[in-house]
Amino acid sequence: MRARRFLSSSLLIFAVCAASAFGQGPRHLFSRVTAGPEITAPVSGRLLIFLKAGEGAKSVDVGEFSPGAVYVAAKEIERLAPGESVDVDTDGIAYPAPFSELKAGDYQAQAVLDVGHTYNYSGRTAGDWVSAVVPLAGWNPGTGTEPELTLTSKVPERAMPKGRAAEEAAAHLERMRSKALTAFWGRPTYVRAWVILPPGYVAQGKTRYPTVYWTHGFGGDLDYAKVTGERIYKREAEGKMPPMIWVMLDESLPTGTHEFADSVNDGPWGEALTKEFIPHLEAKYRMDAKPSGRFLQGHSSGGWATLQLQVNYPRVFGGTWSTSPDPSDFHDFTGVDLYAPHANVYRRADGTPYPLVRANGKVIETYEQFAKLEHVLGPYGGQMASFNWVFSPRGKDGRPLEMFNWQTGDVDPAVMAYWREHYDLAHICKTDWAKRGRYLKGKIHVWVGTADTFYLDGSAHKLDAVLKGLHADAHFTFLPGRTHGNLYTVGNDRMGLMDEIAKQMWAVARPGKTWKKQAGGDE
């Protein structure tokens, strides 16, 4: 829809108030947003208006741990021309409620044009346009003083942090065009990763190394993968971790995270990794190139990604060390039994809301709050939408079917039946153990905190019970009081758990052999 010029503010507000006075429909408030002089060509995207109480803020934005503190309204715009204005109905697509319901007071407003539809995944990113924060002292909704905002600042490219010289030299960017993914999408599609070589690795050496395939969680990207890889290299150089090659995979997409799953919506990422990318790397670097030397590690969505890779490709990898994985048994999907009759992700049978985020023993955000905010920010790229893109069957419109109705929270049983057969890892292990069991036994390691921020410990307990029943020799560790964010902390070391994980991998790859800091050359 092409943006156009609207009625003047005074006529618009008169029309709004008159419609309300004569009972012609619900009241609507409009805020005007203008493309400032800094915009020199038409722009498109999702226009977001943020509003919160208070004063003096440098920016107005939503926070994961403060739902409802910031009001958001949205409108899709197409080719807004320089100097042109568009009016946003702040009572239409809005969270947590229409702006007209706000009480009079001091507020601050800011507009953001999300040009790449990436806000749900990574917030404000390079290329987005932002207005200044506009103070609204004593603002009373509907009195003709609705915010007028001008997009003037373009979010700059993010500066990639530089590591030390040794860390930079150890990091090698790999970008391989995948035949399988390119065929699926009909355009060149690449698997990307940073390969982190251990201290002592030299080009002419002969020593081969165990290799860890790591991937990030929701919100991560290739830059984050590099930073994490450099931290791992530093630990190896300090002798805290054994010398191994780490492949820091990028699993981010415009749809969220593909989690290296084989999906009818995102494409055959598992196939691309195992049949194309890993052979490509093993031909180039001195990797063990055998299951006993290929390991998996990741946290959160990366934890689920590595867990499913081990389950679905058990003969490729020698073990996964997955931490705080997303739900692996859909009888407990962050607390919700998705298979229950008349399942609803928003409310229990007694009407009480399902929590989704907790901190310090208190519920911070409900499932409904999280999902409805995500929908306003954009029905794409968010965590809930990402699950649909990975897990769901494809609809007639070419988009994934939604597991639940975002307005009501009702679960679609037909979609859940598809989820169960293809992505419920507990169900897959239970029903296909005769075929996979011999290759999975002893290879599954999971860590999760008992106070996990997103209630992921519940699903892990259920998977643990299933694997115990199968005599899978799986290793589950539930760390008392640990959350999603501090699971790896040992003493004052925020990455301390990584040392233990690496040592366990080394023991599989090099049984009975010790390791020491490699300060010199390779053999």
Protein backbone atom coordinates (compact mmCIF):
# COMPACT_ATOMS: atom_id res chain seq x y z
CA MET A 1 0.00 0.00 0.00
CA ARG A 2 1.45 3.31 -1.05
CA ALA A 3 1.65 5.94 1.68
CA ARG A 4 -0.31 9.12 1.02
CA ARG A 5 -0.92 12.47 2.59
CA PHE A 6 -3.70 12.54 5.15
CA LEU A 7 -6.11 15.07 6.57
CA SER A 8 -4.60 17.79 8.71
CA SER A 9 -4.19 16.96 12.40
CA SER A 10 -7.04 19.22 13.48
CA LEU A 11 -9.50 17.75 10.95
CA LEU A 12 -8.35 14.22 11.79
CA ILE A 13 -8.80 14.62 15.53
CA PHE A 14 -12.19 16.30 14.95
CA ALA A 15 -13.27 13.30 12.89
CA VAL A 16 -12.10 10.91 15.58
CA CYS A 17 -13.86 12.74 18.38
CA ALA A 18 -17.06 13.24 16.33
CA ALA A 19 -17.27 9.54 15.49
CA SER A 20 -16.95 8.73 19.17
CA ALA A 21 -19.52 11.35 20.21
CA PHE A 22 -22.16 10.16 17.76
CA GLY A 23 -21.62 6.48 18.57
CA GLN A 24 -20.36 5.57 15.10
CA GLY A 25 -17.72 3.18 16.41
CA PRO A 26 -14.82 2.84 18.84
CA ARG A 27 -12.55 5.79 19.45
CA HIS A 28 -9.28 5.87 17.52
CA LEU A 29 -6.17 7.95 18.09
CA PHE A 30 -3.75 8.69 15.29
CA SER A 31 -0.13 9.73 15.55
CA ARG A 32 1.58 11.30 12.57
CA VAL A 33 5.03 10.16 11.43
CA THR A 34 6.99 12.07 8.78
CA ALA A 35 9.97 10.99 6.69
CA GLY A 36 12.55 13.65 7.58
CA PRO A 37 14.95 15.40 5.21
CA GLU A 38 17.63 12.83 5.95
CA ILE A 39 15.55 10.26 4.04
CA THR A 40 16.35 10.75 0.36
CA ALA A 41 14.47 7.85 -1.25
CA PRO A 42 11.15 6.10 -0.58
CA VAL A 43 11.25 3.73 2.40
CA SER A 44 9.12 0.74 3.36
CA GLY A 45 8.77 -1.50 6.39
CA ARG A 46 6.90 -1.84 9.66
CA LEU A 47 6.40 1.50 11.37
CA LEU A 48 6.42 1.19 15.16
CA ILE A 49 5.48 3.83 17.71
CA PHE A 50 6.72 3.31 21.26
CA LEU A 51 5.21 5.19 24.20
CA LYS A 52 6.00 5.03 27.89
CA ALA A 53 5.44 7.08 31.03
CA GLY A 54 8.21 9.28 32.42
CA GLU A 55 10.74 11.72 31.07
CA GLY A 56 14.39 12.07 30.12
CA ALA A 57 14.87 8.79 28.27
CA LYS A 58 17.35 8.65 25.39
CA SER A 59 15.28 5.96 23.67
CA VAL A 60 11.91 4.30 24.15
CA ASP A 61 11.90 0.56 23.59
CA VAL A 62 10.27 -2.62 24.87
CA GLY A 63 12.03 -4.80 27.39
CA GLU A 64 11.78 -8.54 27.84
CA PHE A 65 11.46 -8.21 31.59
CA SER A 66 9.03 -5.30 31.73
CA PRO A 67 5.94 -6.30 29.71
CA GLY A 68 3.28 -3.63 29.50
CA ALA A 69 5.57 -0.82 30.62
CA VAL A 70 5.89 0.37 27.01
CA TYR A 71 2.93 0.72 24.66
CA VAL A 72 3.52 -0.15 21.01
CA ALA A 73 1.47 0.58 17.89
CA ALA A 74 2.29 -0.65 14.39
CA LYS A 75 1.49 -0.07 10.73
CA GLU A 76 2.95 -1.55 7.55
CA ILE A 77 3.96 1.15 5.09
CA GLU A 78 5.12 0.97 1.49
CA ARG A 79 7.33 3.55 -0.24
CA LEU A 80 6.94 6.47 2.14
CA ALA A 81 8.45 9.33 0.15
CA PRO A 82 10.90 11.89 1.55
CA GLY A 83 8.95 14.60 3.38
CA GLU A 84 5.75 12.58 3.24
CA SER A 85 3.68 11.76 6.33
CA VAL A 86 1.61 8.79 7.41
CA ASP A 87 -0.87 8.54 10.27
CA VAL A 88 -0.73 5.50 12.51
CA ASP A 89 -3.84 4.28 14.27
CA THR A 90 -2.51 3.75 17.79
CA ASP A 91 -5.74 2.02 18.78
CA GLY A 92 -5.59 -0.47 15.90
CA ILE A 93 -2.59 -2.80 16.02
CA ALA A 94 -1.44 -2.01 19.55
CA TYR A 95 0.02 -3.59 22.67
CA PRO A 96 -0.76 -4.00 25.53
CA ALA A 97 -3.94 -1.99 24.84
CA PRO A 98 -5.18 0.88 22.65
CA PHE A 99 -3.38 4.14 23.38
CA SER A 100 -6.73 5.83 24.08
CA GLU A 101 -6.99 3.79 27.29
CA LEU A 102 -3.96 5.53 28.81
CA LYS A 103 -4.53 7.92 31.68
CA ALA A 104 -3.38 11.53 31.48
CA GLY A 105 0.21 12.05 32.49
CA ASP A 106 3.78 12.62 31.36
CA TYR A 107 4.89 10.36 28.51
CA GLN A 108 7.65 9.94 25.95
CA ALA A 109 7.21 8.71 22.39
CA GLN A 110 9.55 7.48 19.67
CA ALA A 111 9.02 6.05 16.18
CA VAL A 112 11.07 3.32 14.49
CA LEU A 113 10.79 2.17 10.89
CA ASP A 114 11.83 -1.48 10.84
CA VAL A 115 12.88 -1.65 7.19
CA GLY A 116 14.07 -5.27 7.22
CA HIS A 117 11.33 -6.68 9.44
CA THR A 118 14.01 -7.83 11.85
CA TYR A 119 12.89 -6.05 15.01
CA ASN A 120 11.35 -9.19 16.52
CA TYR A 121 14.67 -11.00 16.21
CA SER A 122 17.38 -8.46 16.87
CA GLY A 123 15.74 -5.12 17.73
CA ARG A 124 16.87 -1.99 15.95
CA THR A 125 19.37 -2.90 13.27
CA ALA A 126 21.43 -1.17 10.61
CA GLY A 127 19.27 0.63 8.06
CA ASP A 128 16.29 1.24 10.35
CA TRP A 129 15.06 4.82 10.70
CA VAL A 130 14.42 6.34 14.12
CA SER A 131 12.87 9.56 15.39
CA ALA A 132 14.00 11.61 18.34
CA VAL A 133 12.29 10.93 21.67
CA VAL A 134 9.38 13.37 21.94
CA PRO A 135 8.29 14.38 25.47
CA LEU A 136 4.55 14.64 26.11
CA ALA A 137 4.15 16.60 29.33
CA GLY A 138 0.69 16.26 30.82
CA TRP A 139 -0.56 14.37 27.78
CA ASN A 140 -4.24 13.48 27.77
CA PRO A 141 -5.15 11.04 24.98
CA GLY A 142 -7.78 12.29 22.55
CA THR A 143 -7.40 16.00 23.24
CA GLY A 144 -5.69 16.86 19.96
CA THR A 145 -2.11 16.57 21.21
CA GLU A 146 -1.22 13.16 19.83
CA PRO A 147 2.50 12.65 19.13
CA GLU A 148 3.95 13.93 15.86
CA LEU A 149 7.23 12.22 15.09
CA THR A 150 9.85 12.66 12.38
CA LEU A 151 12.21 9.91 11.23
CA THR A 152 15.63 11.57 11.16
CA SER A 153 18.32 9.07 12.21
CA LYS A 154 19.45 5.96 10.40
CA VAL A 155 20.78 3.15 12.55
CA PRO A 156 24.45 2.69 11.56
CA GLU A 157 26.21 -0.55 10.79
CA ARG A 158 27.30 -2.32 13.95
CA ALA A 159 31.03 -2.21 14.53
CA MET A 160 32.43 -5.71 14.80
CA PRO A 161 34.50 -5.93 18.00
CA LYS A 162 38.13 -6.77 17.36
CA GLY A 163 39.83 -9.51 19.31
CA ARG A 164 43.52 -9.75 20.07
CA ALA A 165 45.87 -10.49 17.20
CA ALA A 166 46.13 -14.17 18.12
CA GLU A 167 42.34 -14.56 18.31
CA GLU A 168 41.82 -12.78 15.01
CA ALA A 169 44.39 -15.03 13.34
CA ALA A 170 42.66 -18.12 14.69
CA ALA A 171 39.23 -17.17 13.28
CA HIS A 172 38.46 -18.14 9.69
CA LEU A 173 35.17 -17.24 8.00
CA GLU A 174 33.63 -20.06 5.99
CA ARG A 175 30.73 -19.40 3.63
CA MET A 176 29.64 -22.32 1.46
CA ARG A 177 26.91 -22.22 -1.14
CA SER A 178 24.63 -25.18 -0.44
CA LYS A 179 23.23 -27.10 -3.39
CA ALA A 180 20.33 -28.44 -1.32
CA LEU A 181 19.35 -25.05 0.12
CA THR A 182 19.83 -23.24 -3.17
CA ALA A 183 17.54 -25.74 -4.89
CA PHE A 184 14.95 -25.35 -2.13
CA TRP A 185 14.90 -21.52 -2.19
CA GLY A 186 15.58 -21.01 -5.88
CA ARG A 187 18.37 -18.55 -5.11
CA PRO A 188 21.95 -18.85 -3.81
CA THR A 189 21.78 -19.86 -0.14
CA TYR A 190 24.81 -20.30 2.09
CA VAL A 191 25.86 -22.08 5.27
CA ARG A 192 28.07 -19.73 7.28
CA ALA A 193 30.39 -20.21 10.24
CA TRP A 194 33.57 -19.04 11.89
CA VAL A 195 36.16 -21.80 12.23
CA ILE A 196 38.28 -21.25 15.34
CA LEU A 197 41.61 -23.09 15.13
CA PRO A 198 43.29 -24.00 18.43
CA PRO A 199 46.56 -22.53 19.71
CA GLY A 200 49.47 -24.36 18.12
CA TYR A 201 47.65 -25.12 14.88
CA VAL A 202 49.89 -24.35 11.91
CA ALA A 203 49.13 -24.72 8.23
CA GLN A 204 51.89 -27.27 7.60
CA GLY A 205 51.24 -29.36 10.69
CA LYS A 206 50.10 -32.98 10.84
CA THR A 207 48.10 -33.10 14.07
CA ARG A 208 44.36 -33.65 13.72
CA TYR A 209 41.87 -32.28 16.18
CA PRO A 210 38.45 -33.13 17.56
CA THR A 211 35.87 -30.68 16.24
CA VAL A 212 32.94 -29.04 18.01
CA TYR A 213 29.97 -27.74 16.02
CA TRP A 214 28.47 -24.94 18.11
CA THR A 215 25.46 -22.77 17.37
CA HIS A 216 23.90 -19.75 19.05
CA GLY A 217 20.44 -19.23 20.51
CA PHE A 218 17.56 -17.01 19.42
CA GLY A 219 18.79 -13.48 18.67
CA GLY A 220 22.33 -14.57 17.85
CA ASP A 221 24.11 -14.11 14.52
CA LEU A 222 27.42 -14.59 12.76
CA ASP A 223 29.09 -11.73 14.65
CA TYR A 224 28.03 -13.18 18.00
CA ALA A 225 29.37 -16.54 16.88
CA LYS A 226 32.79 -15.01 16.21
CA VAL A 227 32.96 -13.25 19.56
CA THR A 228 32.06 -16.47 21.38
CA GLY A 229 34.61 -18.41 19.36
CA GLU A 230 37.35 -15.95 20.27
CA ARG A 231 36.53 -16.37 23.94
CA ILE A 232 36.86 -20.12 23.55
CA TYR A 233 40.22 -19.68 21.83
CA LYS A 234 41.41 -17.55 24.75
CA ARG A 235 40.41 -20.28 27.21
CA GLU A 236 42.32 -22.84 25.18
CA ALA A 237 45.36 -20.56 25.12
CA GLU A 238 45.15 -20.21 28.91
CA GLY A 239 45.07 -23.98 29.30
CA LYS A 240 41.51 -24.08 30.63
CA MET A 241 40.18 -26.11 27.71
CA PRO A 242 41.74 -28.84 25.56
CA PRO A 243 42.89 -27.97 22.03
CA MET A 244 40.00 -28.57 19.66
CA ILE A 245 38.64 -26.92 16.53
CA TRP A 246 35.37 -25.05 17.11
CA VAL A 247 32.99 -24.37 14.23
CA MET A 248 30.78 -21.45 15.29
CA LEU A 249 27.67 -21.89 13.14
CA ASP A 250 25.16 -19.17 12.24
CA GLU A 251 21.54 -20.35 12.39
CA SER A 252 19.80 -17.00 11.98
CA LEU A 253 17.26 -16.31 9.22
CA PRO A 254 14.70 -13.55 8.57
CA THR A 255 12.15 -16.08 9.88
CA GLY A 256 14.02 -16.53 13.20
CA THR A 257 16.37 -19.47 13.77
CA HIS A 258 16.34 -22.46 11.44
CA GLU A 259 18.08 -24.57 14.13
CA PHE A 260 19.71 -26.75 11.46
CA ALA A 261 16.48 -28.71 11.20
CA ASP A 262 15.14 -30.15 7.97
CA SER A 263 11.96 -28.13 7.50
CA VAL A 264 9.35 -27.76 4.76
CA ASN A 265 9.40 -24.01 5.41
CA ASP A 266 13.02 -23.10 6.13
CA GLY A 267 14.65 -25.77 4.01
CA PRO A 268 16.95 -28.79 4.52
CA TRP A 269 19.46 -27.22 6.88
CA GLY A 270 20.36 -30.47 8.63
CA GLU A 271 21.11 -32.09 5.29
CA ALA A 272 23.15 -29.08 4.15
CA LEU A 273 25.25 -29.18 7.32
CA THR A 274 25.93 -32.90 7.49
CA LYS A 275 26.20 -33.79 3.80
CA GLU A 276 27.77 -30.63 2.39
CA PHE A 277 29.29 -28.25 4.92
CA ILE A 278 31.01 -30.74 7.22
CA PRO A 279 32.69 -32.61 4.31
CA HIS A 280 33.74 -29.22 2.91
CA LEU A 281 35.42 -28.27 6.20
CA GLU A 282 37.01 -31.66 6.76
CA ALA A 283 38.66 -31.45 3.35
CA LYS A 284 40.15 -28.08 4.27
CA TYR A 285 41.13 -28.37 7.95
CA ARG A 286 42.82 -31.14 9.93
CA MET A 287 39.72 -32.40 11.71
CA ASP A 288 39.25 -35.91 13.08
CA ALA A 289 36.62 -36.49 10.38
CA LYS A 290 34.90 -39.33 12.23
CA PRO A 291 31.94 -39.53 14.64
CA SER A 292 34.13 -39.94 17.74
CA GLY A 293 35.72 -36.59 16.93
CA ARG A 294 32.61 -34.62 15.91
CA PHE A 295 30.68 -33.00 18.74
CA LEU A 296 27.74 -30.63 19.14
CA GLN A 297 27.21 -27.81 21.61
CA GLY A 298 24.71 -24.97 21.94
CA HIS A 299 22.48 -23.08 24.35
CA SER A 300 18.72 -22.37 24.28
CA SER A 301 17.53 -22.56 20.65
CA GLY A 302 21.09 -23.65 19.90
CA GLY A 303 20.65 -26.29 22.59
CA TRP A 304 17.60 -27.69 20.81
CA ALA A 305 19.38 -27.45 17.45
CA THR A 306 22.31 -29.54 18.63
CA LEU A 307 20.05 -32.00 20.44
CA GLN A 308 17.96 -32.60 17.32
CA LEU A 309 21.06 -32.93 15.15
CA GLN A 310 22.34 -35.69 17.40
CA VAL A 311 18.94 -37.45 17.38
CA ASN A 312 18.38 -37.09 13.63
CA TYR A 313 21.98 -37.69 12.52
CA PRO A 314 23.22 -40.11 15.20
CA ARG A 315 25.83 -41.73 12.98
CA VAL A 316 27.46 -38.40 12.10
CA PHE A 317 28.16 -37.04 15.58
CA GLY A 318 29.82 -38.51 18.65
CA GLY A 319 27.75 -36.63 21.19
CA THR A 320 25.87 -33.47 22.01
CA TRP A 321 26.36 -31.27 25.06
CA SER A 322 23.19 -29.18 24.91
CA THR A 323 22.37 -26.55 27.53
CA SER A 324 18.90 -25.16 28.37
CA PRO A 325 17.43 -26.51 25.13
CA ASP A 326 14.07 -25.34 23.85
CA PRO A 327 11.29 -27.88 24.55
CA SER A 328 12.20 -31.41 23.47
CA ASP A 329 9.01 -33.06 24.78
CA PHE A 330 5.88 -31.18 23.74
CA HIS A 331 3.95 -32.48 26.74
CA ASP A 332 5.74 -29.59 28.43
CA PHE A 333 6.20 -26.71 26.02
CA THR A 334 7.39 -24.09 28.54
CA GLY A 335 4.80 -25.48 30.93
CA VAL A 336 1.97 -26.18 28.47
CA ASP A 337 0.88 -29.69 27.47
CA LEU A 338 0.28 -29.13 23.77
CA TYR A 339 -1.39 -32.54 23.44
CA ALA A 340 -4.03 -31.95 26.10
CA PRO A 341 -7.68 -31.86 24.93
CA HIS A 342 -8.64 -28.26 24.06
CA ALA A 343 -5.06 -27.15 24.75
CA ASN A 344 -4.53 -23.42 25.07
CA VAL A 345 -1.15 -21.76 25.47
CA TYR A 346 -2.55 -18.65 27.15
CA ARG A 347 -4.69 -20.07 29.93
CA ARG A 348 -5.11 -23.25 31.93
CA ALA A 349 -8.46 -24.99 32.20
CA ASP A 350 -9.20 -22.98 35.36
CA GLY A 351 -8.59 -19.70 33.51
CA THR A 352 -5.27 -18.80 35.15
CA PRO A 353 -2.57 -17.56 32.77
CA TYR A 354 0.43 -19.62 31.77
CA PRO A 355 3.68 -17.89 32.74
CA LEU A 356 6.53 -17.76 30.23
CA VAL A 357 9.27 -15.65 31.82
CA ARG A 358 10.33 -15.68 35.46
CA ALA A 359 13.05 -14.10 37.57
CA ASN A 360 13.86 -14.41 41.26
CA GLY A 361 10.90 -16.68 41.80
CA LYS A 362 8.39 -14.24 40.32
CA VAL A 363 6.45 -14.36 37.06
CA ILE A 364 7.63 -11.54 34.82
CA GLU A 365 5.69 -12.20 31.64
CA THR A 366 2.87 -14.50 30.59
CA TYR A 367 2.67 -16.52 27.41
CA GLU A 368 -0.17 -14.29 26.19
CA GLN A 369 1.74 -11.07 26.82
CA PHE A 370 4.80 -12.39 25.01
CA ALA A 371 2.86 -13.65 21.98
CA LYS A 372 0.68 -10.59 21.54
CA LEU A 373 3.60 -8.19 21.77
CA GLU A 374 5.45 -10.29 19.18
CA HIS A 375 2.45 -10.05 16.84
CA VAL A 376 2.35 -6.25 17.06
CA LEU A 377 6.09 -5.96 16.46
CA GLY A 378 5.54 -8.10 13.36
CA PRO A 379 4.11 -11.55 12.63
CA TYR A 380 7.52 -12.78 11.47
CA GLY A 381 10.96 -13.37 12.90
CA GLY A 382 9.86 -13.63 16.54
CA GLN A 383 10.35 -16.61 18.79
CA MET A 384 6.81 -17.98 18.41
CA ALA A 385 6.79 -17.39 14.66
CA SER A 386 10.21 -19.05 14.44
CA PHE A 387 8.81 -22.23 16.01
CA ASN A 388 6.12 -22.29 13.32
CA TRP A 389 8.66 -21.84 10.53
CA VAL A 390 10.75 -24.74 11.80
CA PHE A 391 8.06 -27.15 13.05
CA SER A 392 4.82 -26.56 11.15
CA PRO A 393 3.43 -27.91 7.87
CA ARG A 394 3.12 -25.41 5.05
CA GLY A 395 -0.26 -23.79 4.44
CA LYS A 396 -1.96 -23.16 1.12
CA ASP A 397 -0.62 -19.58 1.11
CA GLY A 398 2.95 -20.88 1.26
CA ARG A 399 3.44 -19.84 4.88
CA PRO A 400 3.67 -22.20 7.87
CA LEU A 401 0.46 -23.03 9.68
CA GLU A 402 0.29 -21.52 13.16
CA MET A 403 0.44 -23.90 16.09
CA PHE A 404 -1.91 -21.67 18.07
CA ASN A 405 -4.33 -18.82 17.40
CA TRP A 406 -2.51 -15.69 18.53
CA GLN A 407 -5.78 -13.97 19.48
CA THR A 408 -7.22 -16.76 21.63
CA GLY A 409 -4.26 -19.03 22.41
CA ASP A 410 -6.13 -22.13 21.19
CA VAL A 411 -3.82 -24.90 19.94
CA ASP A 412 -4.50 -26.46 16.52
CA PRO A 413 -4.53 -30.27 17.06
CA ALA A 414 -3.81 -31.00 13.39
CA VAL A 415 -0.69 -28.84 13.45
CA MET A 416 0.36 -30.45 16.72
CA ALA A 417 0.06 -33.89 15.16
CA TYR A 418 2.61 -32.79 12.55
CA TRP A 419 4.89 -31.28 15.21
CA ARG A 420 4.77 -34.52 17.16
CA GLU A 421 5.81 -36.77 14.31
CA HIS A 422 8.61 -34.55 13.04
CA TYR A 423 10.05 -32.51 15.93
CA ASP A 424 9.02 -33.88 19.33
CA LEU A 425 12.42 -35.39 20.17
CA ALA A 426 11.12 -37.47 23.07
CA HIS A 427 8.46 -38.99 20.82
CA ILE A 428 10.96 -39.61 18.01
CA CYS A 429 13.38 -41.37 20.36
CA LYS A 430 10.62 -43.48 21.89
CA THR A 431 9.10 -44.61 18.59
CA ASP A 432 12.32 -45.06 16.61
CA TRP A 433 14.73 -46.31 19.26
CA ALA A 434 15.16 -49.69 17.58
CA LYS A 435 16.76 -47.93 14.62
CA ARG A 436 18.59 -45.06 16.33
CA GLY A 437 19.28 -46.37 19.81
CA ARG A 438 22.60 -48.11 19.17
CA TYR A 439 24.01 -44.87 17.75
CA LEU A 440 22.58 -42.60 20.44
CA LYS A 441 23.41 -44.51 23.59
CA GLY A 442 25.65 -42.49 25.86
CA LYS A 443 25.80 -39.54 23.47
CA ILE A 444 23.17 -37.17 24.90
CA HIS A 445 24.29 -34.69 27.58
CA VAL A 446 21.98 -31.93 28.79
CA TRP A 447 22.41 -29.17 31.39
CA VAL A 448 19.58 -26.93 32.56
CA GLY A 449 18.90 -24.78 35.61
CA THR A 450 16.04 -25.61 37.96
CA ALA A 451 15.07 -21.92 37.85
CA ASP A 452 15.36 -21.61 34.08
CA THR A 453 14.02 -18.22 33.00
CA PHE A 454 11.73 -19.77 30.38
CA TYR A 455 10.69 -22.87 32.35
CA LEU A 456 12.72 -25.16 30.10
CA ASP A 457 13.66 -27.48 32.94
CA GLY A 458 10.19 -29.07 32.82
CA SER A 459 10.58 -30.39 29.28
CA ALA A 460 14.13 -31.55 30.02
CA HIS A 461 12.84 -33.64 32.94
CA LYS A 462 10.33 -35.32 30.63
CA LEU A 463 12.96 -36.10 28.00
CA ASP A 464 15.22 -37.46 30.74
CA ALA A 465 12.45 -39.79 31.90
CA VAL A 466 11.84 -41.06 28.36
CA LEU A 467 15.54 -41.72 27.78
CA LYS A 468 15.88 -43.46 31.14
CA GLY A 469 13.05 -45.77 30.09
CA LEU A 470 14.97 -46.55 26.92
CA HIS A 471 18.21 -47.22 28.86
CA ALA A 472 19.85 -44.60 26.67
CA ASP A 473 22.66 -43.81 29.15
CA ALA A 474 21.88 -40.12 28.70
CA HIS A 475 23.38 -37.60 31.10
CA PHE A 476 21.11 -34.86 32.44
CA THR A 477 22.36 -32.31 34.97
CA PHE A 478 19.87 -30.02 36.71
CA LEU A 479 21.75 -27.17 38.38
CA PRO A 480 19.86 -25.90 41.46
CA GLY A 481 18.72 -22.28 41.26
CA ARG A 482 20.42 -21.61 37.94
CA THR A 483 18.63 -19.58 35.28
CA HIS A 484 18.83 -19.32 31.50
CA GLY A 485 21.42 -16.58 31.81
CA ASN A 486 23.79 -17.81 34.54
CA LEU A 487 23.88 -21.54 33.80
CA TYR A 488 27.54 -21.48 32.74
CA THR A 489 28.81 -19.51 35.73
CA VAL A 490 31.37 -21.18 37.98
CA GLY A 491 32.47 -18.89 40.79
CA ASN A 492 33.21 -15.55 39.13
CA ASP A 493 33.72 -17.14 35.71
CA ARG A 494 30.65 -16.70 33.49
CA MET A 495 31.90 -19.36 31.03
CA GLY A 496 33.23 -21.86 33.55
CA LEU A 497 30.86 -24.68 32.56
CA MET A 498 32.33 -24.60 29.06
CA ASP A 499 35.60 -25.97 30.46
CA GLU A 500 33.88 -29.05 31.90
CA ILE A 501 31.96 -29.63 28.66
CA ALA A 502 35.16 -29.43 26.60
CA LYS A 503 36.96 -31.83 28.94
CA GLN A 504 34.17 -34.38 28.56
CA MET A 505 34.35 -34.10 24.78
CA TRP A 506 38.12 -34.57 24.86
CA ALA A 507 37.72 -37.71 26.95
CA VAL A 508 35.52 -39.20 24.22
CA ALA A 509 37.83 -38.21 21.38
CA ARG A 510 41.12 -39.00 23.15
CA PRO A 511 40.35 -41.62 25.83
CA GLY A 512 43.11 -41.96 28.37
CA LYS A 513 45.15 -39.08 26.95
CA THR A 514 45.94 -35.86 28.79
CA TRP A 515 46.22 -32.45 27.28
CA LYS A 516 48.17 -29.33 28.08
CA LYS A 517 48.45 -25.75 26.95
CA GLN A 518 49.80 -25.60 23.39
CA ALA A 519 52.04 -22.57 23.32
CA GLY A 520 54.33 -23.72 20.58
CA GLY A 521 54.06 -25.16 17.10
CA ASP A 522 52.02 -28.04 15.82
CA GLU A 523 53.40 -31.42 14.86
